[in-house]
Amino acid sequence: MDEHKPWHYATLTRADEARHLLIAPFNGPAGTELIQISGGIESSLAMGTEYETKQQADAIAQIWAEDEGFTCLARDKFAFEPLEHVKVLAARMGFTGVYDLRFKRSGFPNPNFMGEVPLSSWPGLTPRNGGRYLYALDQMRLHARPALPVQAGPIVAPTGGAEYIAFILKYKALVDQIGPSTEFLLTDRDLVNRV
């Protein structure tokens, strides 16, 4: 692991909003910066030692949870967001490209055997039937999942029984028509002259 790359400290979510807290070392553990990325916008929150920025991150997360209704996600859970928001987070964490087999080619003069695509120009997946894709970042991968189009209000499921089961089956069928869920590996290699 590169000692100068930021690491993802926490993700907090509320409805359709996600806030990511990163700790970026600039002088080892003696000098770090606490960074918030929300809605694809980066903000510097504090600077200090690694211990101090961790303490500040914990305090901020607690305030967001108590005052604004955010929930801190477990490490194995992901916040799914629009692609452009996730690209900002991935780039800040040091990733420069995506391995996408749709871009694999063997033709010369510029073969691309691995399907490497610069993160900044990667288009993501194309949804069908008016849907959309949402993306989430874990330590080395981008997760993509289909989602229904943005609606005026929340989708309300029936409270139980056969109606609830029918609702879930109909919802799943609609999402499946948009496209498959999939994952893409990320890279921090210098990708020059790709795509």
N, C-alpha and C. Protein backbone atom coordinates (compact mmCIF):
# COMPACT_ATOMS: atom_id res chain seq x y z
N MET A 1 0.84 -1.19 0.00
CA MET A 1 0.00 0.00 0.00
C MET A 1 0.88 1.25 0.00
N ASP A 2 0.56 2.20 -0.81
CA ASP A 2 1.28 3.45 -0.90
C ASP A 2 0.99 4.27 0.34
N GLU A 3 2.04 4.67 1.06
CA GLU A 3 1.84 5.40 2.31
C GLU A 3 1.33 6.83 2.12
N HIS A 4 1.30 7.31 0.86
CA HIS A 4 0.81 8.66 0.60
C HIS A 4 -0.61 8.67 0.03
N LYS A 5 -1.18 7.51 -0.22
CA LYS A 5 -2.54 7.46 -0.75
C LYS A 5 -3.54 7.57 0.39
N PRO A 6 -4.63 8.29 0.15
CA PRO A 6 -5.68 8.37 1.17
C PRO A 6 -6.31 6.99 1.40
N TRP A 7 -6.81 6.79 2.58
CA TRP A 7 -7.57 5.57 2.83
C TRP A 7 -8.95 5.93 3.34
N HIS A 8 -9.86 5.07 2.96
CA HIS A 8 -11.28 5.27 3.22
C HIS A 8 -11.55 4.94 4.68
N TYR A 9 -11.88 5.94 5.47
CA TYR A 9 -12.08 5.72 6.91
C TYR A 9 -13.51 5.29 7.23
N ALA A 10 -14.50 5.96 6.63
CA ALA A 10 -15.90 5.64 6.93
C ALA A 10 -16.82 6.17 5.83
N THR A 11 -17.98 5.53 5.71
CA THR A 11 -19.04 6.01 4.84
C THR A 11 -20.31 6.09 5.67
N LEU A 12 -20.98 7.23 5.57
CA LEU A 12 -22.26 7.43 6.26
C LEU A 12 -23.32 7.72 5.22
N THR A 13 -24.51 7.15 5.41
CA THR A 13 -25.58 7.33 4.43
C THR A 13 -26.87 7.77 5.11
N ARG A 14 -27.68 8.46 4.31
CA ARG A 14 -29.03 8.86 4.71
C ARG A 14 -29.84 8.96 3.42
N ALA A 15 -30.90 8.19 3.30
CA ALA A 15 -31.73 8.17 2.10
C ALA A 15 -30.83 7.99 0.88
N ASP A 16 -30.78 8.97 -0.01
CA ASP A 16 -29.96 8.86 -1.22
C ASP A 16 -28.67 9.66 -1.13
N GLU A 17 -28.23 10.00 0.06
CA GLU A 17 -27.01 10.79 0.24
C GLU A 17 -25.94 9.95 0.92
N ALA A 18 -24.72 10.07 0.44
CA ALA A 18 -23.58 9.38 1.06
C ALA A 18 -22.49 10.39 1.35
N ARG A 19 -21.85 10.23 2.50
CA ARG A 19 -20.70 11.05 2.87
C ARG A 19 -19.55 10.11 3.19
N HIS A 20 -18.43 10.33 2.51
CA HIS A 20 -17.25 9.49 2.71
C HIS A 20 -16.20 10.30 3.46
N LEU A 21 -15.58 9.68 4.44
CA LEU A 21 -14.48 10.29 5.17
C LEU A 21 -13.19 9.56 4.81
N LEU A 22 -12.21 10.31 4.32
CA LEU A 22 -10.92 9.76 3.95
C LEU A 22 -9.85 10.40 4.82
N ILE A 23 -8.80 9.65 5.08
CA ILE A 23 -7.63 10.19 5.77
C ILE A 23 -6.47 10.11 4.80
N ALA A 24 -5.91 11.27 4.48
CA ALA A 24 -4.84 11.36 3.50
C ALA A 24 -3.54 11.75 4.19
N PRO A 25 -2.57 10.85 4.22
CA PRO A 25 -1.28 11.21 4.83
C PRO A 25 -0.45 12.07 3.88
N PHE A 26 0.18 13.09 4.41
CA PHE A 26 1.12 13.88 3.61
C PHE A 26 2.49 13.90 4.27
N ASN A 27 2.58 13.41 5.52
CA ASN A 27 3.86 13.30 6.22
C ASN A 27 3.81 12.08 7.14
N GLY A 28 3.41 10.94 6.56
CA GLY A 28 3.25 9.74 7.38
C GLY A 28 2.18 9.96 8.43
N PRO A 29 2.26 9.26 9.55
CA PRO A 29 1.26 9.44 10.61
C PRO A 29 1.36 10.80 11.32
N ALA A 30 2.46 11.52 11.12
CA ALA A 30 2.64 12.81 11.78
C ALA A 30 1.84 13.92 11.10
N GLY A 31 1.46 13.74 9.85
CA GLY A 31 0.72 14.77 9.13
C GLY A 31 -0.31 14.15 8.22
N THR A 32 -1.59 14.29 8.58
CA THR A 32 -2.68 13.74 7.77
C THR A 32 -3.77 14.78 7.62
N GLU A 33 -4.59 14.57 6.59
CA GLU A 33 -5.72 15.45 6.32
C GLU A 33 -7.00 14.63 6.34
N LEU A 34 -8.02 15.13 7.00
CA LEU A 34 -9.33 14.51 7.00
C LEU A 34 -10.15 15.15 5.87
N ILE A 35 -10.63 14.31 4.97
CA ILE A 35 -11.32 14.77 3.77
C ILE A 35 -12.73 14.19 3.75
N GLN A 36 -13.69 15.01 3.37
CA GLN A 36 -15.06 14.55 3.13
C GLN A 36 -15.33 14.61 1.64
N ILE A 37 -15.92 13.54 1.10
CA ILE A 37 -16.40 13.56 -0.28
C ILE A 37 -17.89 13.23 -0.23
N SER A 38 -18.69 14.15 -0.74
CA SER A 38 -20.14 13.98 -0.74
C SER A 38 -20.69 14.56 -2.04
N GLY A 39 -21.47 13.78 -2.75
CA GLY A 39 -22.05 14.26 -4.00
C GLY A 39 -21.01 14.59 -5.04
N GLY A 40 -19.85 13.93 -4.97
CA GLY A 40 -18.79 14.19 -5.92
C GLY A 40 -17.98 15.45 -5.62
N ILE A 41 -18.17 16.03 -4.44
CA ILE A 41 -17.45 17.25 -4.07
C ILE A 41 -16.55 16.95 -2.87
N GLU A 42 -15.30 17.35 -3.00
CA GLU A 42 -14.31 17.10 -1.96
C GLU A 42 -14.16 18.33 -1.07
N SER A 43 -14.10 18.11 0.25
CA SER A 43 -13.90 19.19 1.20
C SER A 43 -12.86 18.75 2.23
N SER A 44 -11.93 19.64 2.55
CA SER A 44 -10.97 19.37 3.61
C SER A 44 -11.61 19.76 4.93
N LEU A 45 -11.61 18.83 5.90
CA LEU A 45 -12.25 19.09 7.18
C LEU A 45 -11.27 19.43 8.29
N ALA A 46 -10.08 18.80 8.27
CA ALA A 46 -9.12 19.01 9.36
C ALA A 46 -7.76 18.47 8.96
N MET A 47 -6.75 18.91 9.70
CA MET A 47 -5.39 18.38 9.55
C MET A 47 -4.84 18.12 10.94
N GLY A 48 -3.94 17.15 11.01
CA GLY A 48 -3.31 16.81 12.27
C GLY A 48 -2.60 15.49 12.15
N THR A 49 -2.25 14.92 13.28
CA THR A 49 -1.63 13.59 13.25
C THR A 49 -2.71 12.57 12.87
N GLU A 50 -2.27 11.38 12.55
CA GLU A 50 -3.24 10.33 12.20
C GLU A 50 -4.21 10.10 13.36
N TYR A 51 -3.71 10.06 14.56
CA TYR A 51 -4.57 9.87 15.73
C TYR A 51 -5.61 10.99 15.83
N GLU A 52 -5.17 12.23 15.64
CA GLU A 52 -6.08 13.37 15.75
C GLU A 52 -7.16 13.35 14.67
N THR A 53 -6.76 13.04 13.43
CA THR A 53 -7.76 13.03 12.37
C THR A 53 -8.74 11.86 12.54
N LYS A 54 -8.28 10.75 13.07
CA LYS A 54 -9.21 9.65 13.36
C LYS A 54 -10.22 10.07 14.43
N GLN A 55 -9.72 10.75 15.48
CA GLN A 55 -10.60 11.23 16.54
C GLN A 55 -11.62 12.23 15.99
N GLN A 56 -11.16 13.12 15.12
CA GLN A 56 -12.07 14.10 14.51
C GLN A 56 -13.08 13.42 13.59
N ALA A 57 -12.63 12.42 12.85
CA ALA A 57 -13.55 11.67 11.96
C ALA A 57 -14.63 10.99 12.78
N ASP A 58 -14.25 10.38 13.89
CA ASP A 58 -15.24 9.71 14.75
C ASP A 58 -16.23 10.72 15.33
N ALA A 59 -15.73 11.88 15.75
CA ALA A 59 -16.62 12.92 16.31
C ALA A 59 -17.58 13.44 15.25
N ILE A 60 -17.09 13.68 14.03
CA ILE A 60 -17.94 14.17 12.95
C ILE A 60 -19.00 13.13 12.60
N ALA A 61 -18.59 11.88 12.51
CA ALA A 61 -19.54 10.81 12.20
C ALA A 61 -20.63 10.73 13.26
N GLN A 62 -20.27 10.88 14.50
CA GLN A 62 -21.26 10.84 15.59
C GLN A 62 -22.23 12.02 15.49
N ILE A 63 -21.71 13.21 15.18
CA ILE A 63 -22.58 14.38 15.02
C ILE A 63 -23.55 14.17 13.86
N TRP A 64 -23.05 13.68 12.73
CA TRP A 64 -23.91 13.43 11.57
C TRP A 64 -24.98 12.40 11.91
N ALA A 65 -24.62 11.40 12.68
CA ALA A 65 -25.59 10.36 13.05
C ALA A 65 -26.65 10.92 14.00
N GLU A 66 -26.23 11.66 15.02
CA GLU A 66 -27.17 12.17 16.02
C GLU A 66 -28.01 13.34 15.52
N ASP A 67 -27.38 14.27 14.81
CA ASP A 67 -28.08 15.50 14.43
C ASP A 67 -28.75 15.44 13.06
N GLU A 68 -28.20 14.63 12.14
CA GLU A 68 -28.71 14.62 10.78
C GLU A 68 -29.28 13.28 10.33
N GLY A 69 -29.24 12.28 11.19
CA GLY A 69 -29.86 11.00 10.87
C GLY A 69 -29.06 10.10 9.94
N PHE A 70 -27.75 10.30 9.86
CA PHE A 70 -26.92 9.43 9.04
C PHE A 70 -26.62 8.12 9.77
N THR A 71 -26.35 7.08 9.00
CA THR A 71 -25.96 5.78 9.54
C THR A 71 -24.59 5.42 9.00
N CYS A 72 -23.70 4.99 9.85
CA CYS A 72 -22.37 4.57 9.43
C CYS A 72 -22.45 3.16 8.87
N LEU A 73 -21.97 2.97 7.66
CA LEU A 73 -22.03 1.65 7.03
C LEU A 73 -20.92 0.75 7.55
N ALA A 74 -21.24 -0.52 7.69
CA ALA A 74 -20.22 -1.52 8.03
C ALA A 74 -19.24 -1.64 6.86
N ARG A 75 -18.05 -2.13 7.12
CA ARG A 75 -17.00 -2.22 6.09
C ARG A 75 -17.42 -3.06 4.89
N ASP A 76 -18.32 -4.03 5.09
CA ASP A 76 -18.73 -4.89 3.98
C ASP A 76 -19.99 -4.39 3.26
N LYS A 77 -20.44 -3.19 3.58
CA LYS A 77 -21.61 -2.58 2.93
C LYS A 77 -21.14 -1.41 2.08
N PHE A 78 -21.91 -1.11 1.03
CA PHE A 78 -21.49 -0.08 0.09
C PHE A 78 -22.57 0.97 -0.10
N ALA A 79 -22.14 2.18 -0.37
CA ALA A 79 -23.05 3.28 -0.70
C ALA A 79 -23.09 3.41 -2.23
N PHE A 80 -24.23 3.11 -2.82
CA PHE A 80 -24.37 3.19 -4.27
C PHE A 80 -24.79 4.61 -4.66
N GLU A 81 -24.03 5.16 -5.62
CA GLU A 81 -24.21 6.55 -6.03
C GLU A 81 -24.07 6.66 -7.55
N PRO A 82 -24.38 7.83 -8.11
CA PRO A 82 -24.15 8.04 -9.55
C PRO A 82 -22.65 7.90 -9.87
N LEU A 83 -22.36 7.51 -11.10
CA LEU A 83 -20.99 7.23 -11.52
C LEU A 83 -20.05 8.41 -11.28
N GLU A 84 -20.45 9.61 -11.62
CA GLU A 84 -19.55 10.76 -11.47
C GLU A 84 -19.15 10.99 -10.01
N HIS A 85 -20.02 10.71 -9.06
CA HIS A 85 -19.68 10.84 -7.65
C HIS A 85 -18.62 9.82 -7.26
N VAL A 86 -18.80 8.59 -7.73
CA VAL A 86 -17.87 7.51 -7.38
C VAL A 86 -16.52 7.71 -8.07
N LYS A 87 -16.53 8.28 -9.27
CA LYS A 87 -15.26 8.56 -9.95
C LYS A 87 -14.41 9.54 -9.14
N VAL A 88 -15.02 10.54 -8.55
CA VAL A 88 -14.28 11.51 -7.73
C VAL A 88 -13.66 10.80 -6.53
N LEU A 89 -14.43 9.94 -5.87
CA LEU A 89 -13.93 9.20 -4.72
C LEU A 89 -12.78 8.28 -5.13
N ALA A 90 -12.96 7.53 -6.22
CA ALA A 90 -11.92 6.59 -6.67
C ALA A 90 -10.64 7.33 -7.06
N ALA A 91 -10.78 8.44 -7.77
CA ALA A 91 -9.60 9.21 -8.18
C ALA A 91 -8.87 9.76 -6.97
N ARG A 92 -9.60 10.23 -5.98
CA ARG A 92 -8.97 10.78 -4.77
C ARG A 92 -8.23 9.71 -4.00
N MET A 93 -8.70 8.47 -4.12
CA MET A 93 -8.04 7.36 -3.45
C MET A 93 -6.87 6.81 -4.27
N GLY A 94 -6.58 7.45 -5.40
CA GLY A 94 -5.39 7.08 -6.17
C GLY A 94 -5.62 6.18 -7.35
N PHE A 95 -6.86 5.83 -7.64
CA PHE A 95 -7.12 4.96 -8.78
C PHE A 95 -7.15 5.79 -10.06
N THR A 96 -6.61 5.21 -11.12
CA THR A 96 -6.52 5.93 -12.40
C THR A 96 -7.27 5.24 -13.52
N GLY A 97 -7.65 3.98 -13.33
CA GLY A 97 -8.28 3.26 -14.42
C GLY A 97 -9.16 2.12 -13.97
N VAL A 98 -9.89 1.59 -14.94
CA VAL A 98 -10.83 0.50 -14.74
C VAL A 98 -10.50 -0.60 -15.74
N TYR A 99 -10.59 -1.85 -15.31
CA TYR A 99 -10.48 -2.98 -16.23
C TYR A 99 -11.89 -3.34 -16.67
N ASP A 100 -12.19 -3.12 -17.94
CA ASP A 100 -13.52 -3.38 -18.50
C ASP A 100 -13.34 -4.17 -19.79
N LEU A 101 -13.76 -5.43 -19.78
CA LEU A 101 -13.54 -6.31 -20.93
C LEU A 101 -14.25 -5.84 -22.20
N ARG A 102 -15.20 -4.94 -22.08
CA ARG A 102 -15.84 -4.41 -23.28
C ARG A 102 -14.84 -3.61 -24.13
N PHE A 103 -13.75 -3.15 -23.52
CA PHE A 103 -12.75 -2.35 -24.21
C PHE A 103 -11.52 -3.16 -24.60
N LYS A 104 -11.59 -4.46 -24.40
CA LYS A 104 -10.47 -5.34 -24.75
C LYS A 104 -10.37 -5.44 -26.27
N ARG A 105 -9.14 -5.30 -26.78
CA ARG A 105 -8.93 -5.46 -28.22
C ARG A 105 -7.50 -5.94 -28.46
N SER A 106 -7.33 -6.68 -29.53
CA SER A 106 -6.01 -7.22 -29.84
C SER A 106 -5.41 -6.59 -31.09
N GLY A 107 -6.15 -5.70 -31.74
CA GLY A 107 -5.67 -5.08 -32.97
C GLY A 107 -4.53 -4.11 -32.73
N PHE A 108 -3.65 -4.03 -33.69
CA PHE A 108 -2.53 -3.11 -33.62
C PHE A 108 -2.87 -1.84 -34.38
N PRO A 109 -2.35 -0.70 -34.08
CA PRO A 109 -1.10 -0.46 -33.35
C PRO A 109 -1.28 -0.32 -31.84
N ASN A 110 -2.51 -0.23 -31.31
CA ASN A 110 -2.73 -0.03 -29.87
C ASN A 110 -3.58 -1.14 -29.27
N PRO A 111 -2.99 -2.33 -29.07
CA PRO A 111 -3.80 -3.38 -28.44
C PRO A 111 -4.10 -3.04 -26.98
N ASN A 112 -5.20 -3.58 -26.49
CA ASN A 112 -5.60 -3.39 -25.09
C ASN A 112 -6.08 -4.73 -24.59
N PHE A 113 -5.14 -5.60 -24.29
CA PHE A 113 -5.45 -6.98 -23.93
C PHE A 113 -6.22 -7.11 -22.61
N MET A 114 -6.06 -6.15 -21.73
CA MET A 114 -6.71 -6.22 -20.42
C MET A 114 -7.99 -5.40 -20.34
N GLY A 115 -8.28 -4.61 -21.35
CA GLY A 115 -9.46 -3.75 -21.30
C GLY A 115 -9.29 -2.59 -20.34
N GLU A 116 -8.06 -2.07 -20.21
CA GLU A 116 -7.80 -0.95 -19.32
C GLU A 116 -8.38 0.34 -19.91
N VAL A 117 -9.09 1.08 -19.08
CA VAL A 117 -9.69 2.34 -19.50
C VAL A 117 -9.38 3.39 -18.44
N PRO A 118 -8.93 4.59 -18.84
CA PRO A 118 -8.74 5.64 -17.84
C PRO A 118 -10.05 5.92 -17.09
N LEU A 119 -9.95 6.04 -15.79
CA LEU A 119 -11.13 6.28 -14.96
C LEU A 119 -11.88 7.53 -15.42
N SER A 120 -11.16 8.56 -15.77
CA SER A 120 -11.80 9.83 -16.14
C SER A 120 -12.66 9.72 -17.40
N SER A 121 -12.34 8.78 -18.28
CA SER A 121 -13.11 8.65 -19.52
C SER A 121 -13.98 7.39 -19.57
N TRP A 122 -13.97 6.62 -18.51
CA TRP A 122 -14.77 5.39 -18.50
C TRP A 122 -16.26 5.75 -18.46
N PRO A 123 -17.06 5.22 -19.41
CA PRO A 123 -18.46 5.63 -19.49
C PRO A 123 -19.41 4.90 -18.56
N GLY A 124 -18.96 3.86 -17.89
CA GLY A 124 -19.87 3.05 -17.08
C GLY A 124 -20.74 2.17 -17.95
N LEU A 125 -21.78 1.64 -17.39
CA LEU A 125 -22.70 0.76 -18.11
C LEU A 125 -23.88 1.54 -18.68
N THR A 126 -24.45 0.99 -19.73
CA THR A 126 -25.61 1.61 -20.37
C THR A 126 -26.87 0.87 -19.91
N PRO A 127 -27.75 1.55 -19.19
CA PRO A 127 -28.98 0.89 -18.74
C PRO A 127 -29.99 0.78 -19.87
N ARG A 128 -30.90 -0.16 -19.72
CA ARG A 128 -32.00 -0.34 -20.68
C ARG A 128 -33.31 0.09 -20.02
N ASN A 129 -34.32 0.25 -20.84
CA ASN A 129 -35.70 0.48 -20.39
C ASN A 129 -35.85 1.69 -19.47
N GLY A 130 -35.09 2.75 -19.72
CA GLY A 130 -35.26 3.98 -18.94
C GLY A 130 -34.69 3.93 -17.54
N GLY A 131 -33.96 2.87 -17.21
CA GLY A 131 -33.38 2.76 -15.88
C GLY A 131 -32.07 3.51 -15.77
N ARG A 132 -31.34 3.20 -14.73
CA ARG A 132 -30.04 3.83 -14.51
C ARG A 132 -29.15 2.84 -13.76
N TYR A 133 -27.89 3.12 -13.71
CA TYR A 133 -26.94 2.34 -12.92
C TYR A 133 -26.42 3.20 -11.78
N LEU A 134 -26.23 2.57 -10.65
CA LEU A 134 -25.57 3.19 -9.51
C LEU A 134 -24.30 2.40 -9.22
N TYR A 135 -23.31 3.08 -8.67
CA TYR A 135 -21.99 2.48 -8.48
C TYR A 135 -21.54 2.66 -7.04
N ALA A 136 -20.71 1.72 -6.60
CA ALA A 136 -20.13 1.79 -5.26
C ALA A 136 -18.68 1.35 -5.35
N LEU A 137 -17.87 1.90 -4.46
CA LEU A 137 -16.44 1.60 -4.42
C LEU A 137 -16.13 0.80 -3.18
N ASP A 138 -15.40 -0.29 -3.37
CA ASP A 138 -14.80 -0.94 -2.20
C ASP A 138 -13.29 -0.72 -2.33
N GLN A 139 -12.48 -1.53 -1.73
CA GLN A 139 -11.04 -1.26 -1.71
C GLN A 139 -10.36 -1.34 -3.08
N MET A 140 -10.85 -2.20 -3.97
CA MET A 140 -10.20 -2.37 -5.27
C MET A 140 -11.18 -2.51 -6.43
N ARG A 141 -12.47 -2.43 -6.17
CA ARG A 141 -13.46 -2.68 -7.22
C ARG A 141 -14.54 -1.61 -7.24
N LEU A 142 -15.11 -1.47 -8.43
CA LEU A 142 -16.34 -0.70 -8.60
C LEU A 142 -17.47 -1.70 -8.76
N HIS A 143 -18.49 -1.56 -7.97
CA HIS A 143 -19.68 -2.40 -8.08
C HIS A 143 -20.73 -1.59 -8.83
N ALA A 144 -21.37 -2.22 -9.80
CA ALA A 144 -22.44 -1.55 -10.56
C ALA A 144 -23.72 -2.34 -10.38
N ARG A 145 -24.81 -1.64 -10.10
CA ARG A 145 -26.09 -2.33 -9.99
C ARG A 145 -27.18 -1.50 -10.67
N PRO A 146 -28.11 -2.17 -11.30
CA PRO A 146 -29.20 -1.44 -11.96
C PRO A 146 -30.16 -0.86 -10.93
N ALA A 147 -30.80 0.24 -11.31
CA ALA A 147 -31.78 0.89 -10.43
C ALA A 147 -32.89 1.47 -11.27
N LEU A 148 -34.05 1.58 -10.68
CA LEU A 148 -35.18 2.20 -11.35
C LEU A 148 -34.92 3.69 -11.52
N PRO A 149 -35.57 4.33 -12.47
CA PRO A 149 -35.39 5.77 -12.64
C PRO A 149 -35.78 6.53 -11.38
N VAL A 150 -35.23 7.72 -11.22
CA VAL A 150 -35.56 8.58 -10.08
C VAL A 150 -37.04 8.94 -10.18
N GLN A 151 -37.75 8.80 -9.07
CA GLN A 151 -39.18 9.10 -9.04
C GLN A 151 -39.44 10.28 -8.11
N ALA A 152 -40.65 10.80 -8.19
CA ALA A 152 -41.02 11.95 -7.36
C ALA A 152 -41.05 11.58 -5.88
N GLY A 153 -41.44 10.38 -5.56
CA GLY A 153 -41.55 9.98 -4.16
C GLY A 153 -40.98 8.60 -3.94
N PRO A 154 -40.90 8.17 -2.70
CA PRO A 154 -40.37 6.84 -2.42
C PRO A 154 -41.32 5.74 -2.87
N ILE A 155 -40.75 4.59 -3.16
CA ILE A 155 -41.55 3.41 -3.49
C ILE A 155 -42.00 2.80 -2.17
N VAL A 156 -43.30 2.60 -2.02
CA VAL A 156 -43.84 2.06 -0.78
C VAL A 156 -44.33 0.64 -1.04
N ALA A 157 -43.75 -0.30 -0.29
CA ALA A 157 -44.13 -1.70 -0.43
C ALA A 157 -45.32 -2.00 0.47
N PRO A 158 -46.18 -2.93 0.04
CA PRO A 158 -47.25 -3.38 0.93
C PRO A 158 -46.66 -3.97 2.21
N THR A 159 -47.43 -4.02 3.26
CA THR A 159 -46.90 -4.41 4.57
C THR A 159 -46.66 -5.91 4.74
N GLY A 160 -47.26 -6.75 3.98
CA GLY A 160 -46.98 -8.16 4.19
C GLY A 160 -47.85 -9.07 3.34
N GLY A 161 -47.63 -10.37 3.54
CA GLY A 161 -48.44 -11.37 2.87
C GLY A 161 -48.16 -11.48 1.39
N ALA A 162 -49.16 -11.97 0.66
CA ALA A 162 -49.04 -12.23 -0.77
C ALA A 162 -48.80 -10.94 -1.56
N GLU A 163 -49.39 -9.83 -1.10
CA GLU A 163 -49.18 -8.55 -1.79
C GLU A 163 -47.72 -8.12 -1.75
N TYR A 164 -47.07 -8.34 -0.60
CA TYR A 164 -45.67 -7.98 -0.46
C TYR A 164 -44.80 -8.83 -1.38
N ILE A 165 -45.05 -10.13 -1.43
CA ILE A 165 -44.29 -11.03 -2.29
C ILE A 165 -44.47 -10.65 -3.76
N ALA A 166 -45.70 -10.36 -4.15
CA ALA A 166 -45.96 -9.94 -5.54
C ALA A 166 -45.24 -8.64 -5.86
N PHE A 167 -45.22 -7.70 -4.91
CA PHE A 167 -44.52 -6.43 -5.10
C PHE A 167 -43.03 -6.66 -5.32
N ILE A 168 -42.42 -7.48 -4.48
CA ILE A 168 -40.98 -7.76 -4.58
C ILE A 168 -40.66 -8.43 -5.91
N LEU A 169 -41.45 -9.38 -6.33
CA LEU A 169 -41.22 -10.06 -7.61
C LEU A 169 -41.35 -9.09 -8.79
N LYS A 170 -42.33 -8.20 -8.73
CA LYS A 170 -42.49 -7.21 -9.80
C LYS A 170 -41.33 -6.23 -9.81
N TYR A 171 -40.91 -5.77 -8.64
CA TYR A 171 -39.78 -4.85 -8.53
C TYR A 171 -38.51 -5.49 -9.09
N LYS A 172 -38.24 -6.74 -8.70
CA LYS A 172 -37.05 -7.45 -9.18
C LYS A 172 -37.09 -7.62 -10.69
N ALA A 173 -38.25 -7.93 -11.25
CA ALA A 173 -38.38 -8.08 -12.71
C ALA A 173 -38.08 -6.77 -13.42
N LEU A 174 -38.55 -5.64 -12.87
CA LEU A 174 -38.28 -4.33 -13.47
C LEU A 174 -36.78 -4.01 -13.43
N VAL A 175 -36.14 -4.28 -12.31
CA VAL A 175 -34.70 -4.00 -12.18
C VAL A 175 -33.90 -4.91 -13.10
N ASP A 176 -34.28 -6.17 -13.20
CA ASP A 176 -33.56 -7.10 -14.07
C ASP A 176 -33.63 -6.69 -15.54
N GLN A 177 -34.68 -5.99 -15.94
CA GLN A 177 -34.81 -5.53 -17.33
C GLN A 177 -33.84 -4.39 -17.64
N ILE A 178 -33.34 -3.71 -16.63
CA ILE A 178 -32.42 -2.59 -16.83
C ILE A 178 -31.03 -3.09 -17.21
N GLY A 179 -30.61 -4.20 -16.62
CA GLY A 179 -29.30 -4.77 -16.91
C GLY A 179 -28.77 -5.55 -15.72
N PRO A 180 -27.62 -6.20 -15.90
CA PRO A 180 -27.07 -7.03 -14.82
C PRO A 180 -26.26 -6.21 -13.82
N SER A 181 -26.14 -6.75 -12.63
CA SER A 181 -25.17 -6.21 -11.66
C SER A 181 -23.81 -6.79 -12.02
N THR A 182 -22.77 -6.01 -11.83
CA THR A 182 -21.43 -6.50 -12.16
C THR A 182 -20.38 -5.73 -11.36
N GLU A 183 -19.14 -6.19 -11.45
CA GLU A 183 -18.02 -5.56 -10.76
C GLU A 183 -16.89 -5.31 -11.76
N PHE A 184 -16.10 -4.27 -11.48
CA PHE A 184 -14.95 -3.94 -12.29
C PHE A 184 -13.75 -3.73 -11.37
N LEU A 185 -12.61 -4.27 -11.74
CA LEU A 185 -11.39 -4.02 -10.98
C LEU A 185 -10.86 -2.64 -11.31
N LEU A 186 -10.26 -2.00 -10.32
CA LEU A 186 -9.63 -0.69 -10.49
C LEU A 186 -8.12 -0.87 -10.53
N THR A 187 -7.44 0.11 -11.09
CA THR A 187 -5.99 0.08 -11.12
C THR A 187 -5.44 1.47 -10.81
N ASP A 188 -4.21 1.49 -10.32
CA ASP A 188 -3.54 2.77 -10.11
C ASP A 188 -2.37 2.92 -11.08
N ARG A 189 -2.34 2.06 -12.10
CA ARG A 189 -1.29 2.16 -13.13
C ARG A 189 -1.49 3.42 -13.96
N ASP A 190 -0.41 3.91 -14.53
CA ASP A 190 -0.48 5.07 -15.41
C ASP A 190 -1.00 4.61 -16.76
N LEU A 191 -2.20 4.99 -17.11
CA LEU A 191 -2.84 4.56 -18.35
C LEU A 191 -2.74 5.67 -19.38
N VAL A 192 -1.79 5.54 -20.27
CA VAL A 192 -1.59 6.53 -21.31
C VAL A 192 -2.02 5.92 -22.64
N ASN A 193 -2.71 6.69 -23.45
CA ASN A 193 -3.13 6.28 -24.79
C ASN A 193 -4.06 5.07 -24.77
N ARG A 194 -4.97 5.04 -23.86
CA ARG A 194 -5.97 3.96 -23.84
C ARG A 194 -7.30 4.54 -24.30
N VAL A 195 -8.07 3.71 -24.96
CA VAL A 195 -9.41 3.98 -25.48
C VAL A 195 -9.46 5.09 -26.47
